[in-house]
Amino acid sequence: MRKDPIVEEIHQIREAHAKRFHYDLHAIFSDMRKREAKRADVVDLQHVKPALSCVAEKRATYRTNQEEAR
């Protein structure tokens, strides 16, 4: 199987990021949350309860901040 250069680059970036935090998952995700909070283009999804209960399997629905502004 041929190696994809884009996938290889992503693996290198992920490895470097993990190495910076000594492979501590809590520290890695904390950093990711901080970075995400600073970005304006990331949509914040909030859990919304369905208006009516149904017999079928319940599925979570999400509302974005942009929809709330309307």
PDB file of N, CA and C in Angstrom:
ATOM      1  N   MET A   1       0.842  -1.180   0.000  1.00  0.00           N
ATOM      2  CA  MET A   1       0.000   0.000   0.000  1.00  0.00           C
ATOM      3  C   MET A   1       0.892   1.250   0.000  1.00  0.00           C
ATOM      4  N   ARG A   2       0.530   2.207  -0.817  1.00  0.00           N
ATOM      5  CA  ARG A   2       1.294   3.441  -0.943  1.00  0.00           C
ATOM      6  C   ARG A   2       0.999   4.385   0.219  1.00  0.00           C
ATOM      7  N   LYS A   3       2.016   5.049   0.724  1.00  0.00           N
ATOM      8  CA  LYS A   3       1.827   5.998   1.820  1.00  0.00           C
ATOM      9  C   LYS A   3       1.346   7.328   1.262  1.00  0.00           C
ATOM     10  N   ASP A   4       0.360   7.877   1.924  1.00  0.00           N
ATOM     11  CA  ASP A   4      -0.210   9.161   1.541  1.00  0.00           C
ATOM     12  C   ASP A   4       0.583  10.258   2.248  1.00  0.00           C
ATOM     13  N   PRO A   5       1.151  11.205   1.505  1.00  0.00           N
ATOM     14  CA  PRO A   5       1.964  12.248   2.136  1.00  0.00           C
ATOM     15  C   PRO A   5       1.166  13.152   3.083  1.00  0.00           C
ATOM     16  N   ILE A   6      -0.113  13.351   2.807  1.00  0.00           N
ATOM     17  CA  ILE A   6      -0.945  14.183   3.667  1.00  0.00           C
ATOM     18  C   ILE A   6      -1.169  13.487   5.005  1.00  0.00           C
ATOM     19  N   VAL A   7      -1.467  12.198   4.966  1.00  0.00           N
ATOM     20  CA  VAL A   7      -1.668  11.431   6.191  1.00  0.00           C
ATOM     21  C   VAL A   7      -0.370  11.385   6.992  1.00  0.00           C
ATOM     22  N   GLU A   8       0.740  11.203   6.312  1.00  0.00           N
ATOM     23  CA  GLU A   8       2.046  11.181   6.983  1.00  0.00           C
ATOM     24  C   GLU A   8       2.314  12.515   7.683  1.00  0.00           C
ATOM     25  N   GLU A   9       1.973  13.621   7.032  1.00  0.00           N
ATOM     26  CA  GLU A   9       2.180  14.937   7.627  1.00  0.00           C
ATOM     27  C   GLU A   9       1.308  15.110   8.875  1.00  0.00           C
ATOM     28  N   ILE A  10       0.060  14.645   8.804  1.00  0.00           N
ATOM     29  CA  ILE A  10      -0.839  14.722   9.953  1.00  0.00           C
ATOM     30  C   ILE A  10      -0.277  13.910  11.118  1.00  0.00           C
ATOM     31  N   HIS A  11       0.241  12.722  10.822  1.00  0.00           N
ATOM     32  CA  HIS A  11       0.836  11.886  11.868  1.00  0.00           C
ATOM     33  C   HIS A  11       2.034  12.584  12.509  1.00  0.00           C
ATOM     34  N   GLN A  12       2.836  13.259  11.715  1.00  0.00           N
ATOM     35  CA  GLN A  12       4.000  13.975  12.250  1.00  0.00           C
ATOM     36  C   GLN A  12       3.559  15.134  13.147  1.00  0.00           C
ATOM     37  N   ILE A  13       2.545  15.856  12.721  1.00  0.00           N
ATOM     38  CA  ILE A  13       2.038  16.982  13.508  1.00  0.00           C
ATOM     39  C   ILE A  13       1.465  16.482  14.833  1.00  0.00           C
ATOM     40  N   ARG A  14       0.687  15.407  14.783  1.00  0.00           N
ATOM     41  CA  ARG A  14       0.099  14.842  15.996  1.00  0.00           C
ATOM     42  C   ARG A  14       1.181  14.339  16.947  1.00  0.00           C
ATOM     43  N   GLU A  15       2.196  13.703  16.399  1.00  0.00           N
ATOM     44  CA  GLU A  15       3.298  13.199  17.216  1.00  0.00           C
ATOM     45  C   GLU A  15       4.038  14.352  17.889  1.00  0.00           C
ATOM     46  N   ALA A  16       4.310  15.407  17.157  1.00  0.00           N
ATOM     47  CA  ALA A  16       5.009  16.563  17.720  1.00  0.00           C
ATOM     48  C   ALA A  16       4.174  17.221  18.817  1.00  0.00           C
ATOM     49  N   HIS A  17       2.858  17.318  18.595  1.00  0.00           N
ATOM     50  CA  HIS A  17       1.965  17.920  19.583  1.00  0.00           C
ATOM     51  C   HIS A  17       1.942  17.076  20.856  1.00  0.00           C
ATOM     52  N   ALA A  18       1.830  15.768  20.713  1.00  0.00           N
ATOM     53  CA  ALA A  18       1.810  14.869  21.870  1.00  0.00           C
ATOM     54  C   ALA A  18       3.139  14.915  22.618  1.00  0.00           C
ATOM     55  N   LYS A  19       4.226  14.977  21.874  1.00  0.00           N
ATOM     56  CA  LYS A  19       5.554  15.005  22.490  1.00  0.00           C
ATOM     57  C   LYS A  19       5.744  16.280  23.328  1.00  0.00           C
ATOM     58  N   ARG A  20       5.178  17.400  22.844  1.00  0.00           N
ATOM     59  CA  ARG A  20       5.274  18.668  23.563  1.00  0.00           C
ATOM     60  C   ARG A  20       4.660  18.582  24.958  1.00  0.00           C
ATOM     61  N   PHE A  21       3.636  17.729  25.105  1.00  0.00           N
ATOM     62  CA  PHE A  21       2.934  17.582  26.374  1.00  0.00           C
ATOM     63  C   PHE A  21       3.282  16.265  27.070  1.00  0.00           C
ATOM     64  N   HIS A  22       4.398  15.668  26.660  1.00  0.00           N
ATOM     65  CA  HIS A  22       4.901  14.423  27.260  1.00  0.00           C
ATOM     66  C   HIS A  22       3.846  13.315  27.216  1.00  0.00           C
ATOM     67  N   TYR A  23       3.060  13.284  26.132  1.00  0.00           N
ATOM     68  CA  TYR A  23       2.052  12.268  25.862  1.00  0.00           C
ATOM     69  C   TYR A  23       0.964  12.205  26.945  1.00  0.00           C
ATOM     70  N   ASP A  24       0.754  13.297  27.672  1.00  0.00           N
ATOM     71  CA  ASP A  24      -0.274  13.382  28.707  1.00  0.00           C
ATOM     72  C   ASP A  24      -1.584  13.804  28.045  1.00  0.00           C
ATOM     73  N   LEU A  25      -2.553  12.881  27.984  1.00  0.00           N
ATOM     74  CA  LEU A  25      -3.811  13.154  27.283  1.00  0.00           C
ATOM     75  C   LEU A  25      -4.571  14.331  27.870  1.00  0.00           C
ATOM     76  N   HIS A  26      -4.574  14.456  29.189  1.00  0.00           N
ATOM     77  CA  HIS A  26      -5.278  15.573  29.811  1.00  0.00           C
ATOM     78  C   HIS A  26      -4.678  16.907  29.370  1.00  0.00           C
ATOM     79  N   ALA A  27      -3.365  16.977  29.328  1.00  0.00           N
ATOM     80  CA  ALA A  27      -2.698  18.212  28.907  1.00  0.00           C
ATOM     81  C   ALA A  27      -2.943  18.487  27.418  1.00  0.00           C
ATOM     82  N   ILE A  28      -2.922  17.442  26.596  1.00  0.00           N
ATOM     83  CA  ILE A  28      -3.144  17.588  25.154  1.00  0.00           C
ATOM     84  C   ILE A  28      -4.551  18.135  24.897  1.00  0.00           C
ATOM     85  N   PHE A  29      -5.568  17.529  25.527  1.00  0.00           N
ATOM     86  CA  PHE A  29      -6.934  17.968  25.291  1.00  0.00           C
ATOM     87  C   PHE A  29      -7.209  19.337  25.913  1.00  0.00           C
ATOM     88  N   SER A  30      -6.556  19.633  27.014  1.00  0.00           N
ATOM     89  CA  SER A  30      -6.682  20.959  27.599  1.00  0.00           C
ATOM     90  C   SER A  30      -6.167  22.020  26.629  1.00  0.00           C
ATOM     91  N   ASP A  31      -5.028  21.742  26.014  1.00  0.00           N
ATOM     92  CA  ASP A  31      -4.470  22.655  25.017  1.00  0.00           C
ATOM     93  C   ASP A  31      -5.403  22.792  23.819  1.00  0.00           C
ATOM     94  N   MET A  32      -5.978  21.678  23.374  1.00  0.00           N
ATOM     95  CA  MET A  32      -6.896  21.719  22.230  1.00  0.00           C
ATOM     96  C   MET A  32      -8.133  22.560  22.557  1.00  0.00           C
ATOM     97  N   ARG A  33      -8.667  22.405  23.777  1.00  0.00           N
ATOM     98  CA  ARG A  33      -9.836  23.194  24.178  1.00  0.00           C
ATOM     99  C   ARG A  33      -9.509  24.686  24.209  1.00  0.00           C
ATOM    100  N   LYS A  34      -8.324  25.031  24.728  1.00  0.00           N
ATOM    101  CA  LYS A  34      -7.910  26.435  24.774  1.00  0.00           C
ATOM    102  C   LYS A  34      -7.791  27.013  23.371  1.00  0.00           C
ATOM    103  N   ARG A  35      -7.177  26.255  22.458  1.00  0.00           N
ATOM    104  CA  ARG A  35      -7.024  26.719  21.078  1.00  0.00           C
ATOM    105  C   ARG A  35      -8.376  26.873  20.404  1.00  0.00           C
ATOM    106  N   GLU A  36      -9.268  25.907  20.638  1.00  0.00           N
ATOM    107  CA  GLU A  36     -10.590  25.948  20.023  1.00  0.00           C
ATOM    108  C   GLU A  36     -11.383  27.153  20.527  1.00  0.00           C
ATOM    109  N   ALA A  37     -11.254  27.482  21.807  1.00  0.00           N
ATOM    110  CA  ALA A  37     -11.986  28.614  22.385  1.00  0.00           C
ATOM    111  C   ALA A  37     -11.558  29.934  21.748  1.00  0.00           C
ATOM    112  N   LYS A  38     -10.326  30.023  21.288  1.00  0.00           N
ATOM    113  CA  LYS A  38      -9.813  31.248  20.676  1.00  0.00           C
ATOM    114  C   LYS A  38     -10.265  31.418  19.228  1.00  0.00           C
ATOM    115  N   ARG A  39     -10.699  30.329  18.592  1.00  0.00           N
ATOM    116  CA  ARG A  39     -11.068  30.392  17.179  1.00  0.00           C
ATOM    117  C   ARG A  39     -12.505  30.867  17.009  1.00  0.00           C
ATOM    118  N   ALA A  40     -12.693  31.807  16.126  1.00  0.00           N
ATOM    119  CA  ALA A  40     -14.035  32.347  15.870  1.00  0.00           C
ATOM    120  C   ALA A  40     -14.809  31.494  14.860  1.00  0.00           C
ATOM    121  N   ASP A  41     -14.103  30.715  14.059  1.00  0.00           N
ATOM    122  CA  ASP A  41     -14.765  29.960  12.991  1.00  0.00           C
ATOM    123  C   ASP A  41     -15.236  28.581  13.431  1.00  0.00           C
ATOM    124  N   VAL A  42     -15.061  28.218  14.710  1.00  0.00           N
ATOM    125  CA  VAL A  42     -15.513  26.920  15.208  1.00  0.00           C
ATOM    126  C   VAL A  42     -16.933  27.076  15.731  1.00  0.00           C
ATOM    127  N   VAL A  43     -17.818  26.219  15.262  1.00  0.00           N
ATOM    128  CA  VAL A  43     -19.217  26.269  15.670  1.00  0.00           C
ATOM    129  C   VAL A  43     -19.365  25.515  16.987  1.00  0.00           C
ATOM    130  N   ASP A  44     -20.012  26.136  17.950  1.00  0.00           N
ATOM    131  CA  ASP A  44     -20.257  25.517  19.244  1.00  0.00           C
ATOM    132  C   ASP A  44     -21.599  24.796  19.181  1.00  0.00           C
ATOM    133  N   LEU A  45     -21.580  23.460  19.284  1.00  0.00           N
ATOM    134  CA  LEU A  45     -22.813  22.677  19.249  1.00  0.00           C
ATOM    135  C   LEU A  45     -23.308  22.466  20.670  1.00  0.00           C
ATOM    136  N   GLN A  46     -24.576  22.750  20.880  1.00  0.00           N
ATOM    137  CA  GLN A  46     -25.169  22.575  22.196  1.00  0.00           C
ATOM    138  C   GLN A  46     -26.270  21.537  22.106  1.00  0.00           C
ATOM    139  N   HIS A  47     -26.340  20.654  23.089  1.00  0.00           N
ATOM    140  CA  HIS A  47     -27.350  19.611  23.107  1.00  0.00           C
ATOM    141  C   HIS A  47     -28.730  20.226  23.350  1.00  0.00           C
ATOM    142  N   VAL A  48     -29.707  19.781  22.560  1.00  0.00           N
ATOM    143  CA  VAL A  48     -31.070  20.273  22.690  1.00  0.00           C
ATOM    144  C   VAL A  48     -31.990  19.072  22.839  1.00  0.00           C
ATOM    145  N   LYS A  49     -32.888  19.129  23.814  1.00  0.00           N
ATOM    146  CA  LYS A  49     -33.835  18.034  23.990  1.00  0.00           C
ATOM    147  C   LYS A  49     -34.870  18.092  22.868  1.00  0.00           C
ATOM    148  N   PRO A  50     -35.271  16.919  22.338  1.00  0.00           N
ATOM    149  CA  PRO A  50     -36.303  16.927  21.298  1.00  0.00           C
ATOM    150  C   PRO A  50     -37.627  17.461  21.860  1.00  0.00           C
ATOM    151  N   ALA A  51     -38.390  18.162  21.032  1.00  0.00           N
ATOM    152  CA  ALA A  51     -39.648  18.757  21.469  1.00  0.00           C
ATOM    153  C   ALA A  51     -40.669  17.686  21.843  1.00  0.00           C
ATOM    154  N   LEU A  52     -40.745  16.617  21.060  1.00  0.00           N
ATOM    155  CA  LEU A  52     -41.696  15.543  21.318  1.00  0.00           C
ATOM    156  C   LEU A  52     -40.935  14.227  21.465  1.00  0.00           C
ATOM    157  N   SER A  53     -41.389  13.408  22.380  1.00  0.00           N
ATOM    158  CA  SER A  53     -40.769  12.090  22.485  1.00  0.00           C
ATOM    159  C   SER A  53     -41.376  11.205  21.401  1.00  0.00           C
ATOM    160  N   CYS A  54     -40.587  10.313  20.894  1.00  0.00           N
ATOM    161  CA  CYS A  54     -41.083   9.443  19.834  1.00  0.00           C
ATOM    162  C   CYS A  54     -40.775   7.996  20.195  1.00  0.00           C
ATOM    163  N   VAL A  55     -41.426   7.079  19.506  1.00  0.00           N
ATOM    164  CA  VAL A  55     -41.260   5.662  19.769  1.00  0.00           C
ATOM    165  C   VAL A  55     -39.904   5.188  19.261  1.00  0.00           C
ATOM    166  N   ALA A  56     -39.451   5.765  18.181  1.00  0.00           N
ATOM    167  CA  ALA A  56     -38.177   5.360  17.592  1.00  0.00           C
ATOM    168  C   ALA A  56     -37.023   5.733  18.519  1.00  0.00           C
ATOM    169  N   GLU A  57     -35.865   5.246  18.191  1.00  0.00           N
ATOM    170  CA  GLU A  57     -34.670   5.531  18.995  1.00  0.00           C
ATOM    171  C   GLU A  57     -34.463   7.036  19.107  1.00  0.00           C
ATOM    172  N   LYS A  58     -34.224   7.497  20.320  1.00  0.00           N
ATOM    173  CA  LYS A  58     -34.007   8.928  20.527  1.00  0.00           C
ATOM    174  C   LYS A  58     -32.623   9.305  20.019  1.00  0.00           C
ATOM    175  N   ARG A  59     -32.557  10.402  19.321  1.00  0.00           N
ATOM    176  CA  ARG A  59     -31.292  10.908  18.806  1.00  0.00           C
ATOM    177  C   ARG A  59     -31.107  12.331  19.305  1.00  0.00           C
ATOM    178  N   ALA A  60     -29.873  12.667  19.615  1.00  0.00           N
ATOM    179  CA  ALA A  60     -29.575  14.027  20.065  1.00  0.00           C
ATOM    180  C   ALA A  60     -29.678  14.979  18.886  1.00  0.00           C
ATOM    181  N   THR A  61     -30.229  16.133  19.131  1.00  0.00           N
ATOM    182  CA  THR A  61     -30.251  17.187  18.125  1.00  0.00           C
ATOM    183  C   THR A  61     -29.388  18.322  18.638  1.00  0.00           C
ATOM    184  N   TYR A  62     -28.840  19.083  17.734  1.00  0.00           N
ATOM    185  CA  TYR A  62     -27.927  20.140  18.128  1.00  0.00           C
ATOM    186  C   TYR A  62     -28.340  21.460  17.508  1.00  0.00           C
ATOM    187  N   ARG A  63     -28.059  22.502  18.244  1.00  0.00           N
ATOM    188  CA  ARG A  63     -28.358  23.843  17.776  1.00  0.00           C
ATOM    189  C   ARG A  63     -27.046  24.635  17.855  1.00  0.00           C
ATOM    190  N   THR A  64     -26.800  25.431  16.848  1.00  0.00           N
ATOM    191  CA  THR A  64     -25.578  26.236  16.844  1.00  0.00           C
ATOM    192  C   THR A  64     -25.881  27.629  17.375  1.00  0.00           C
ATOM    193  N   ASN A  65     -24.846  28.331  17.777  1.00  0.00           N
ATOM    194  CA  ASN A  65     -24.992  29.716  18.244  1.00  0.00           C
ATOM    195  C   ASN A  65     -25.553  30.595  17.138  1.00  0.00           C
ATOM    196  N   GLN A  66     -25.233  30.261  15.896  1.00  0.00           N
ATOM    197  CA  GLN A  66     -25.696  31.057  14.759  1.00  0.00           C
ATOM    198  C   GLN A  66     -27.208  30.951  14.617  1.00  0.00           C
ATOM    199  N   GLU A  67     -27.762  29.770  14.908  1.00  0.00           N
ATOM    200  CA  GLU A  67     -29.209  29.586  14.817  1.00  0.00           C
ATOM    201  C   GLU A  67     -29.923  30.368  15.920  1.00  0.00           C
ATOM    202  N   GLU A  68     -29.290  30.455  17.091  1.00  0.00           N
ATOM    203  CA  GLU A  68     -29.891  31.185  18.203  1.00  0.00           C
ATOM    204  C   GLU A  68     -29.980  32.672  17.910  1.00  0.00           C
ATOM    205  N   ALA A  69     -29.038  33.183  17.117  1.00  0.00           N
ATOM    206  CA  ALA A  69     -28.976  34.608  16.825  1.00  0.00           C
ATOM    207  C   ALA A  69     -30.104  35.057  15.888  1.00  0.00           C
ATOM    208  N   ARG A  70     -30.693  34.115  15.179  1.00  0.00           N
ATOM    209  CA  ARG A  70     -31.761  34.450  14.221  1.00  0.00           C
ATOM    210  C   ARG A  70     -33.019  34.896  14.886  1.00  0.00           C
TER     211      ARG A  70
END
